[in-house]
């Protein structure tokens, strides 16, 4: 689970937003938003972590009305994946 201050910018088609993350893993994340995003839509995400920014693409797998969306990560640059692993390791060892 990320610190409460981890922010993600996201885009689905022409719809954009900036939201807090509720959870984060190497395979997915839960974005807190009141916006309704279609299931199975492609989403681009930019996560602002202490170790640097991480960009990824994902698929909206679940929506919880007025709470947020669960996103499965499907693509990420190796450099961004290394940053995400570094942050996950830091959180696990803290």
PDB file of N, CA and C in Angstrom:
ATOM      1  N   UNK A   1       0.852  -1.180   0.000  1.00  0.00           N
ATOM      2  CA  UNK A   1       0.000   0.000   0.000  1.00  0.00           C
ATOM      3  C   UNK A   1       0.896   1.242   0.000  1.00  0.00           C
ATOM      4  N   UNK A   2       0.638   2.173  -0.900  1.00  0.00           N
ATOM      5  CA  UNK A   2       1.486   3.362  -0.979  1.00  0.00           C
ATOM      6  C   UNK A   2       1.155   4.354   0.129  1.00  0.00           C
ATOM      7  N   UNK A   3       2.077   5.266   0.395  1.00  0.00           N
ATOM      8  CA  UNK A   3       1.753   6.354   1.324  1.00  0.00           C
ATOM      9  C   UNK A   3       0.544   7.126   0.815  1.00  0.00           C
ATOM     10  N   UNK A   4      -0.190   7.758   1.702  1.00  0.00           N
ATOM     11  CA  UNK A   4      -1.425   8.456   1.324  1.00  0.00           C
ATOM     12  C   UNK A   4      -1.194   9.606   0.352  1.00  0.00           C
ATOM     13  N   UNK A   5       0.039  10.043   0.196  1.00  0.00           N
ATOM     14  CA  UNK A   5       0.301  11.203  -0.648  1.00  0.00           C
ATOM     15  C   UNK A   5       0.750  10.842  -2.065  1.00  0.00           C
ATOM     16  N   UNK A   6       0.674   9.568  -2.463  1.00  0.00           N
ATOM     17  CA  UNK A   6       1.091   9.200  -3.814  1.00  0.00           C
ATOM     18  C   UNK A   6      -0.008   9.599  -4.794  1.00  0.00           C
ATOM     19  N   UNK A   7       0.388  10.405  -5.778  1.00  0.00           N
ATOM     20  CA  UNK A   7      -0.548  10.974  -6.749  1.00  0.00           C
ATOM     21  C   UNK A   7      -0.287  10.358  -8.119  1.00  0.00           C
ATOM     22  N   UNK A   8      -1.375  10.141  -8.850  1.00  0.00           N
ATOM     23  CA  UNK A   8      -1.263   9.628 -10.214  1.00  0.00           C
ATOM     24  C   UNK A   8      -2.090  10.499 -11.149  1.00  0.00           C
ATOM     25  N   UNK A   9      -1.497  10.860 -12.271  1.00  0.00           N
ATOM     26  CA  UNK A   9      -2.240  11.509 -13.350  1.00  0.00           C
ATOM     27  C   UNK A   9      -2.639  10.397 -14.316  1.00  0.00           C
ATOM     28  N   UNK A  10      -3.858  10.442 -14.818  1.00  0.00           N
ATOM     29  CA  UNK A  10      -4.342   9.388 -15.701  1.00  0.00           C
ATOM     30  C   UNK A  10      -5.128   9.968 -16.866  1.00  0.00           C
ATOM     31  N   UNK A  11      -5.214   9.147 -17.922  1.00  0.00           N
ATOM     32  CA  UNK A  11      -5.976   9.549 -19.099  1.00  0.00           C
ATOM     33  C   UNK A  11      -6.622   8.321 -19.723  1.00  0.00           C
ATOM     34  N   UNK A  12      -7.917   8.433 -19.981  1.00  0.00           N
ATOM     35  CA  UNK A  12      -8.683   7.423 -20.719  1.00  0.00           C
ATOM     36  C   UNK A  12      -9.349   8.161 -21.867  1.00  0.00           C
ATOM     37  N   UNK A  13      -8.882   7.941 -23.088  1.00  0.00           N
ATOM     38  CA  UNK A  13      -9.398   8.696 -24.239  1.00  0.00           C
ATOM     39  C   UNK A  13      -9.129  10.177 -24.039  1.00  0.00           C
ATOM     40  N   UNK A  14     -10.181  10.994 -24.037  1.00  0.00           N
ATOM     41  CA  UNK A  14     -10.014  12.433 -23.820  1.00  0.00           C
ATOM     42  C   UNK A  14     -10.271  12.817 -22.361  1.00  0.00           C
ATOM     43  N   UNK A  15     -10.644  11.857 -21.539  1.00  0.00           N
ATOM     44  CA  UNK A  15     -10.927  12.102 -20.120  1.00  0.00           C
ATOM     45  C   UNK A  15      -9.618  12.027 -19.327  1.00  0.00           C
ATOM     46  N   UNK A  16      -9.368  13.054 -18.508  1.00  0.00           N
ATOM     47  CA  UNK A  16      -8.123  13.126 -17.735  1.00  0.00           C
ATOM     48  C   UNK A  16      -8.431  13.446 -16.290  1.00  0.00           C
ATOM     49  N   UNK A  17      -7.486  13.069 -15.421  1.00  0.00           N
ATOM     50  CA  UNK A  17      -7.656  13.401 -14.017  1.00  0.00           C
ATOM     51  C   UNK A  17      -6.355  13.235 -13.254  1.00  0.00           C
ATOM     52  N   UNK A  18      -6.357  13.753 -12.037  1.00  0.00           N
ATOM     53  CA  UNK A  18      -5.245  13.576 -11.104  1.00  0.00           C
ATOM     54  C   UNK A  18      -5.873  13.073  -9.816  1.00  0.00           C
ATOM     55  N   UNK A  19      -5.378  11.940  -9.320  1.00  0.00           N
ATOM     56  CA  UNK A  19      -6.008  11.281  -8.184  1.00  0.00           C
ATOM     57  C   UNK A  19      -4.966  10.682  -7.252  1.00  0.00           C
ATOM     58  N   UNK A  20      -5.385  10.427  -6.024  1.00  0.00           N
ATOM     59  CA  UNK A  20      -4.553   9.694  -5.070  1.00  0.00           C
ATOM     60  C   UNK A  20      -4.670   8.205  -5.357  1.00  0.00           C
ATOM     61  N   UNK A  21      -3.600   7.469  -5.058  1.00  0.00           N
ATOM     62  CA  UNK A  21      -3.645   6.016  -5.179  1.00  0.00           C
ATOM     63  C   UNK A  21      -4.040   5.422  -3.834  1.00  0.00           C
ATOM     64  N   UNK A  22      -4.913   4.423  -3.885  1.00  0.00           N
ATOM     65  CA  UNK A  22      -5.282   3.713  -2.664  1.00  0.00           C
ATOM     66  C   UNK A  22      -4.392   2.501  -2.457  1.00  0.00           C
ATOM     67  N   UNK A  23      -4.022   1.855  -3.557  1.00  0.00           N
ATOM     68  CA  UNK A  23      -3.102   0.723  -3.465  1.00  0.00           C
ATOM     69  C   UNK A  23      -2.231   0.689  -4.713  1.00  0.00           C
ATOM     70  N   UNK A  24      -1.082   0.021  -4.568  1.00  0.00           N
ATOM     71  CA  UNK A  24      -0.115  -0.033  -5.656  1.00  0.00           C
ATOM     72  C   UNK A  24       0.659  -1.333  -5.545  1.00  0.00           C
ATOM     73  N   UNK A  25       0.809  -2.034  -6.674  1.00  0.00           N
ATOM     74  CA  UNK A  25       1.637  -3.238  -6.731  1.00  0.00           C
ATOM     75  C   UNK A  25       2.316  -3.265  -8.090  1.00  0.00           C
ATOM     76  N   UNK A  26       3.184  -4.251  -8.302  1.00  0.00           N
ATOM     77  CA  UNK A  26       3.874  -4.335  -9.585  1.00  0.00           C
ATOM     78  C   UNK A  26       2.921  -4.752 -10.706  1.00  0.00           C
ATOM     79  N   UNK A  27       1.748  -5.283 -10.357  1.00  0.00           N
ATOM     80  CA  UNK A  27       0.800  -5.721 -11.366  1.00  0.00           C
ATOM     81  C   UNK A  27      -0.416  -4.833 -11.556  1.00  0.00           C
ATOM     82  N   UNK A  28      -0.590  -3.870 -10.637  1.00  0.00           N
ATOM     83  CA  UNK A  28      -1.765  -3.028 -10.768  1.00  0.00           C
ATOM     84  C   UNK A  28      -1.863  -1.975  -9.689  1.00  0.00           C
ATOM     85  N   UNK A  29      -2.954  -1.198  -9.744  1.00  0.00           N
ATOM     86  CA  UNK A  29      -3.157  -0.125  -8.782  1.00  0.00           C
ATOM     87  C   UNK A  29      -4.638   0.193  -8.673  1.00  0.00           C
ATOM     88  N   UNK A  30      -5.005   0.853  -7.588  1.00  0.00           N
ATOM     89  CA  UNK A  30      -6.369   1.330  -7.410  1.00  0.00           C
ATOM     90  C   UNK A  30      -6.312   2.844  -7.327  1.00  0.00           C
ATOM     91  N   UNK A  31      -6.974   3.502  -8.274  1.00  0.00           N
ATOM     92  CA  UNK A  31      -6.976   4.958  -8.381  1.00  0.00           C
ATOM     93  C   UNK A  31      -8.265   5.487  -7.766  1.00  0.00           C
ATOM     94  N   UNK A  32      -8.131   6.369  -6.785  1.00  0.00           N
ATOM     95  CA  UNK A  32      -9.318   6.972  -6.169  1.00  0.00           C
ATOM     96  C   UNK A  32      -9.823   8.093  -7.073  1.00  0.00           C
ATOM     97  N   UNK A  33     -11.051   7.938  -7.561  1.00  0.00           N
ATOM     98  CA  UNK A  33     -11.668   8.963  -8.397  1.00  0.00           C
ATOM     99  C   UNK A  33     -13.177   8.784  -8.374  1.00  0.00           C
ATOM    100  N   UNK A  34     -13.882   9.888  -8.483  1.00  0.00           N
ATOM    101  CA  UNK A  34     -15.335   9.830  -8.584  1.00  0.00           C
ATOM    102  C   UNK A  34     -15.780   9.735 -10.038  1.00  0.00           C
ATOM    103  N   UNK A  35     -14.813   9.868 -10.956  1.00  0.00           N
ATOM    104  CA  UNK A  35     -15.113   9.754 -12.383  1.00  0.00           C
ATOM    105  C   UNK A  35     -15.503   8.312 -12.712  1.00  0.00           C
ATOM    106  N   UNK A  36     -16.422   8.158 -13.642  1.00  0.00           N
ATOM    107  CA  UNK A  36     -16.808   6.826 -14.104  1.00  0.00           C
ATOM    108  C   UNK A  36     -15.985   6.506 -15.348  1.00  0.00           C
ATOM    109  N   UNK A  37     -15.191   5.452 -15.271  1.00  0.00           N
ATOM    110  CA  UNK A  37     -14.365   5.035 -16.404  1.00  0.00           C
ATOM    111  C   UNK A  37     -14.881   3.690 -16.899  1.00  0.00           C
ATOM    112  N   UNK A  38     -15.005   3.528 -18.203  1.00  0.00           N
ATOM    113  CA  UNK A  38     -15.563   2.284 -18.752  1.00  0.00           C
ATOM    114  C   UNK A  38     -14.674   1.075 -18.462  1.00  0.00           C
ATOM    115  N   UNK A  39     -15.319  -0.046 -18.128  1.00  0.00           N
ATOM    116  CA  UNK A  39     -14.580  -1.294 -17.953  1.00  0.00           C
ATOM    117  C   UNK A  39     -13.856  -1.655 -19.236  1.00  0.00           C
ATOM    118  N   UNK A  40     -12.690  -2.260 -19.092  1.00  0.00           N
ATOM    119  CA  UNK A  40     -11.846  -2.718 -20.199  1.00  0.00           C
ATOM    120  C   UNK A  40     -11.294  -1.595 -21.062  1.00  0.00           C
ATOM    121  N   UNK A  41     -11.385  -0.346 -20.582  1.00  0.00           N
ATOM    122  CA  UNK A  41     -10.808   0.754 -21.363  1.00  0.00           C
ATOM    123  C   UNK A  41      -9.311   0.851 -21.079  1.00  0.00           C
ATOM    124  N   UNK A  42      -8.569   1.320 -22.082  1.00  0.00           N
ATOM    125  CA  UNK A  42      -7.132   1.535 -21.913  1.00  0.00           C
ATOM    126  C   UNK A  42      -6.916   2.816 -21.133  1.00  0.00           C
ATOM    127  N   UNK A  43      -5.984   2.775 -20.197  1.00  0.00           N
ATOM    128  CA  UNK A  43      -5.696   3.938 -19.362  1.00  0.00           C
ATOM    129  C   UNK A  43      -4.190   4.153 -19.329  1.00  0.00           C
ATOM    130  N   UNK A  44      -3.782   5.401 -19.477  1.00  0.00           N
ATOM    131  CA  UNK A  44      -2.379   5.782 -19.326  1.00  0.00           C
ATOM    132  C   UNK A  44      -2.237   6.426 -17.961  1.00  0.00           C
ATOM    133  N   UNK A  45      -1.187   6.022 -17.233  1.00  0.00           N
ATOM    134  CA  UNK A  45      -1.009   6.495 -15.862  1.00  0.00           C
ATOM    135  C   UNK A  45       0.409   7.009 -15.670  1.00  0.00           C
ATOM    136  N   UNK A  46       0.528   8.127 -14.971  1.00  0.00           N
ATOM    137  CA  UNK A  46       1.813   8.679 -14.558  1.00  0.00           C
ATOM    138  C   UNK A  46       1.772   8.776 -13.035  1.00  0.00           C
ATOM    139  N   UNK A  47       2.621   7.989 -12.370  1.00  0.00           N
ATOM    140  CA  UNK A  47       2.640   7.929 -10.906  1.00  0.00           C
ATOM    141  C   UNK A  47       3.831   8.725 -10.405  1.00  0.00           C
ATOM    142  N   UNK A  48       3.593   9.596  -9.446  1.00  0.00           N
ATOM    143  CA  UNK A  48       4.654  10.414  -8.859  1.00  0.00           C
ATOM    144  C   UNK A  48       5.111   9.770  -7.554  1.00  0.00           C
ATOM    145  N   UNK A  49       6.262   9.090  -7.595  1.00  0.00           N
ATOM    146  CA  UNK A  49       6.813   8.390  -6.431  1.00  0.00           C
ATOM    147  C   UNK A  49       8.061   9.109  -5.922  1.00  0.00           C
ATOM    148  N   UNK A  50       8.449   8.862  -4.673  1.00  0.00           N
ATOM    149  CA  UNK A  50       9.679   9.474  -4.143  1.00  0.00           C
ATOM    150  C   UNK A  50      10.924   9.127  -4.966  1.00  0.00           C
ATOM    151  N   UNK A  51      10.934   7.950  -5.609  1.00  0.00           N
ATOM    152  CA  UNK A  51      12.097   7.541  -6.411  1.00  0.00           C
ATOM    153  C   UNK A  51      12.038   8.079  -7.837  1.00  0.00           C
ATOM    154  N   UNK A  52      10.973   8.785  -8.185  1.00  0.00           N
ATOM    155  CA  UNK A  52      10.815   9.352  -9.522  1.00  0.00           C
ATOM    156  C   UNK A  52       9.467   8.992 -10.115  1.00  0.00           C
ATOM    157  N   UNK A  53       9.204   9.537 -11.285  1.00  0.00           N
ATOM    158  CA  UNK A  53       7.926   9.280 -11.947  1.00  0.00           C
ATOM    159  C   UNK A  53       7.939   7.925 -12.650  1.00  0.00           C
ATOM    160  N   UNK A  54       6.795   7.263 -12.638  1.00  0.00           N
ATOM    161  CA  UNK A  54       6.624   5.968 -13.295  1.00  0.00           C
ATOM    162  C   UNK A  54       5.443   6.081 -14.251  1.00  0.00           C
ATOM    163  N   UNK A  55       5.680   5.738 -15.504  1.00  0.00           N
ATOM    164  CA  UNK A  55       4.619   5.753 -16.516  1.00  0.00           C
ATOM    165  C   UNK A  55       4.253   4.312 -16.855  1.00  0.00           C
ATOM    166  N   UNK A  56       2.953   4.083 -17.045  1.00  0.00           N
ATOM    167  CA  UNK A  56       2.506   2.752 -17.450  1.00  0.00           C
ATOM    168  C   UNK A  56       1.197   2.859 -18.205  1.00  0.00           C
ATOM    169  N   UNK A  57       0.870   1.771 -18.877  1.00  0.00           N
ATOM    170  CA  UNK A  57      -0.432   1.638 -19.527  1.00  0.00           C
ATOM    171  C   UNK A  57      -1.152   0.481 -18.870  1.00  0.00           C
ATOM    172  N   UNK A  58      -2.453   0.604 -18.785  1.00  0.00           N
ATOM    173  CA  UNK A  58      -3.214  -0.446 -18.139  1.00  0.00           C
ATOM    174  C   UNK A  58      -4.610  -0.579 -18.716  1.00  0.00           C
ATOM    175  N   UNK A  59      -5.353  -1.498 -18.118  1.00  0.00           N
ATOM    176  CA  UNK A  59      -6.737  -1.741 -18.482  1.00  0.00           C
ATOM    177  C   UNK A  59      -7.586  -1.595 -17.227  1.00  0.00           C
ATOM    178  N   UNK A  60      -8.689  -0.858 -17.341  1.00  0.00           N
ATOM    179  CA  UNK A  60      -9.614  -0.719 -16.212  1.00  0.00           C
ATOM    180  C   UNK A  60     -10.314  -2.057 -16.031  1.00  0.00           C
ATOM    181  N   UNK A  61     -10.090  -2.702 -14.886  1.00  0.00           N
ATOM    182  CA  UNK A  61     -10.652  -4.025 -14.624  1.00  0.00           C
ATOM    183  C   UNK A  61     -11.875  -3.991 -13.713  1.00  0.00           C
ATOM    184  N   UNK A  62     -11.964  -2.984 -12.853  1.00  0.00           N
ATOM    185  CA  UNK A  62     -13.107  -2.898 -11.939  1.00  0.00           C
ATOM    186  C   UNK A  62     -13.361  -1.441 -11.602  1.00  0.00           C
ATOM    187  N   UNK A  63     -14.621  -1.092 -11.492  1.00  0.00           N
ATOM    188  CA  UNK A  63     -14.969   0.252 -11.054  1.00  0.00           C
ATOM    189  C   UNK A  63     -15.840   0.141  -9.803  1.00  0.00           C
ATOM    190  N   UNK A  64     -15.583   1.023  -8.865  1.00  0.00           N
ATOM    191  CA  UNK A  64     -16.392   1.116  -7.661  1.00  0.00           C
ATOM    192  C   UNK A  64     -16.976   2.520  -7.661  1.00  0.00           C
ATOM    193  N   UNK A  65     -18.285   2.601  -7.824  1.00  0.00           N
ATOM    194  CA  UNK A  65     -18.944   3.893  -7.990  1.00  0.00           C
ATOM    195  C   UNK A  65     -18.582   4.867  -6.882  1.00  0.00           C
ATOM    196  N   UNK A  66     -18.192   6.066  -7.289  1.00  0.00           N
ATOM    197  CA  UNK A  66     -17.826   7.185  -6.416  1.00  0.00           C
ATOM    198  C   UNK A  66     -16.601   6.893  -5.534  1.00  0.00           C
ATOM    199  N   UNK A  67     -15.882   5.806  -5.838  1.00  0.00           N
ATOM    200  CA  UNK A  67     -14.698   5.483  -5.044  1.00  0.00           C
ATOM    201  C   UNK A  67     -13.432   5.387  -5.893  1.00  0.00           C
ATOM    202  N   UNK A  68     -13.518   4.683  -7.021  1.00  0.00           N
ATOM    203  CA  UNK A  68     -12.336   4.581  -7.853  1.00  0.00           C
ATOM    204  C   UNK A  68     -12.357   3.413  -8.818  1.00  0.00           C
ATOM    205  N   UNK A  69     -11.188   3.160  -9.422  1.00  0.00           N
ATOM    206  CA  UNK A  69     -11.052   2.097 -10.413  1.00  0.00           C
ATOM    207  C   UNK A  69      -9.815   1.255 -10.129  1.00  0.00           C
ATOM    208  N   UNK A  70      -9.954  -0.040 -10.381  1.00  0.00           N
ATOM    209  CA  UNK A  70      -8.828  -0.962 -10.303  1.00  0.00           C
ATOM    210  C   UNK A  70      -8.241  -1.090 -11.699  1.00  0.00           C
ATOM    211  N   UNK A  71      -6.926  -0.964 -11.785  1.00  0.00           N
ATOM    212  CA  UNK A  71      -6.235  -0.974 -13.075  1.00  0.00           C
ATOM    213  C   UNK A  71      -5.194  -2.095 -13.082  1.00  0.00           C
ATOM    214  N   UNK A  72      -5.234  -2.918 -14.126  1.00  0.00           N
ATOM    215  CA  UNK A  72      -4.206  -3.925 -14.343  1.00  0.00           C
ATOM    216  C   UNK A  72      -3.137  -3.303 -15.227  1.00  0.00           C
ATOM    217  N   UNK A  73      -1.886  -3.331 -14.795  1.00  0.00           N
ATOM    218  CA  UNK A  73      -0.787  -2.796 -15.598  1.00  0.00           C
ATOM    219  C   UNK A  73      -0.460  -3.799 -16.698  1.00  0.00           C
ATOM    220  N   UNK A  74      -0.437  -3.314 -17.948  1.00  0.00           N
ATOM    221  CA  UNK A  74      -0.148  -4.200 -19.078  1.00  0.00           C
ATOM    222  C   UNK A  74       1.147  -3.840 -19.801  1.00  0.00           C
ATOM    223  N   UNK A  75       1.647  -2.621 -19.614  1.00  0.00           N
ATOM    224  CA  UNK A  75       2.882  -2.216 -20.290  1.00  0.00           C
ATOM    225  C   UNK A  75       3.596  -1.145 -19.469  1.00  0.00           C
ATOM    226  N   UNK A  76       4.930  -1.309 -19.404  1.00  0.00           N
ATOM    227  CA  UNK A  76       5.743  -0.348 -18.660  1.00  0.00           C
ATOM    228  C   UNK A  76       7.178  -0.422 -19.181  1.00  0.00           C
ATOM    229  N   UNK A  77       7.796   0.721 -19.363  1.00  0.00           N
ATOM    230  CA  UNK A  77       9.188   0.794 -19.783  1.00  0.00           C
ATOM    231  C   UNK A  77      10.071   0.144 -18.707  1.00  0.00           C
ATOM    232  N   UNK A  78      11.138  -0.555 -19.092  1.00  0.00           N
ATOM    233  CA  UNK A  78      12.010  -1.196 -18.100  1.00  0.00           C
ATOM    234  C   UNK A  78      12.566  -0.227 -17.044  1.00  0.00           C
ATOM    235  N   UNK A  79      12.856   1.000 -17.428  1.00  0.00           N
ATOM    236  CA  UNK A  79      13.354   1.994 -16.472  1.00  0.00           C
ATOM    237  C   UNK A  79      12.276   2.334 -15.444  1.00  0.00           C
ATOM    238  N   UNK A  80      11.042   2.494 -15.913  1.00  0.00           N
ATOM    239  CA  UNK A  80       9.937   2.779 -15.004  1.00  0.00           C
ATOM    240  C   UNK A  80       9.670   1.586 -14.088  1.00  0.00           C
ATOM    241  N   UNK A  81       9.763   0.370 -14.632  1.00  0.00           N
ATOM    242  CA  UNK A  81       9.561  -0.827 -13.815  1.00  0.00           C
ATOM    243  C   UNK A  81      10.619  -0.903 -12.711  1.00  0.00           C
ATOM    244  N   UNK A  82      11.858  -0.538 -13.036  1.00  0.00           N
ATOM    245  CA  UNK A  82      12.928  -0.537 -12.033  1.00  0.00           C
ATOM    246  C   UNK A  82      12.622   0.469 -10.923  1.00  0.00           C
ATOM    247  N   UNK A  83      12.103   1.638 -11.277  1.00  0.00           N
ATOM    248  CA  UNK A  83      11.727   2.625 -10.258  1.00  0.00           C
ATOM    249  C   UNK A  83      10.614   2.092  -9.363  1.00  0.00           C
ATOM    250  N   UNK A  84       9.620   1.442  -9.988  1.00  0.00           N
ATOM    251  CA  UNK A  84       8.513   0.884  -9.214  1.00  0.00           C
ATOM    252  C   UNK A  84       9.017  -0.204  -8.268  1.00  0.00           C
ATOM    253  N   UNK A  85       9.879  -1.089  -8.752  1.00  0.00           N
ATOM    254  CA  UNK A  85      10.457  -2.126  -7.894  1.00  0.00           C
ATOM    255  C   UNK A  85      11.250  -1.497  -6.748  1.00  0.00           C
ATOM    256  N   UNK A  86      12.003  -0.442  -7.035  1.00  0.00           N
ATOM    257  CA  UNK A  86      12.785   0.233  -5.993  1.00  0.00           C
ATOM    258  C   UNK A  86      11.866   0.801  -4.915  1.00  0.00           C
ATOM    259  N   UNK A  87      10.761   1.405  -5.317  1.00  0.00           N
ATOM    260  CA  UNK A  87       9.824   1.968  -4.350  1.00  0.00           C
ATOM    261  C   UNK A  87       9.139   0.868  -3.540  1.00  0.00           C
ATOM    262  N   UNK A  88       8.746  -0.217  -4.207  1.00  0.00           N
ATOM    263  CA  UNK A  88       8.109  -1.328  -3.503  1.00  0.00           C
ATOM    264  C   UNK A  88       9.077  -1.932  -2.475  1.00  0.00           C
ATOM    265  N   UNK A  89      10.335  -2.080  -2.849  1.00  0.00           N
ATOM    266  CA  UNK A  89      11.347  -2.612  -1.938  1.00  0.00           C
ATOM    267  C   UNK A  89      11.536  -1.676  -0.753  1.00  0.00           C
ATOM    268  N   UNK A  90      11.603  -0.381  -1.018  1.00  0.00           N
ATOM    269  CA  UNK A  90      11.762   0.597   0.062  1.00  0.00           C
ATOM    270  C   UNK A  90      10.594   0.522   1.052  1.00  0.00           C
ATOM    271  N   UNK A  91       9.386   0.391   0.520  1.00  0.00           N
ATOM    272  CA  UNK A  91       8.202   0.318   1.387  1.00  0.00           C
ATOM    273  C   UNK A  91       8.188  -0.975   2.198  1.00  0.00           C
ATOM    274  N   UNK A  92       8.606  -2.072   1.580  1.00  0.00           N
ATOM    275  CA  UNK A  92       8.613  -3.355   2.298  1.00  0.00           C
ATOM    276  C   UNK A  92       9.650  -3.378   3.414  1.00  0.00           C
ATOM    277  N   UNK A  93      10.766  -2.699   3.213  1.00  0.00           N
ATOM    278  CA  UNK A  93      11.837  -2.702   4.206  1.00  0.00           C
ATOM    279  C   UNK A  93      11.666  -1.623   5.267  1.00  0.00           C
ATOM    280  N   UNK A  94      10.731  -0.714   5.072  1.00  0.00           N
ATOM    281  CA  UNK A  94      10.532   0.382   6.021  1.00  0.00           C
ATOM    282  C   UNK A  94       9.842  -0.095   7.299  1.00  0.00           C
TER     283      UNK A  94
END
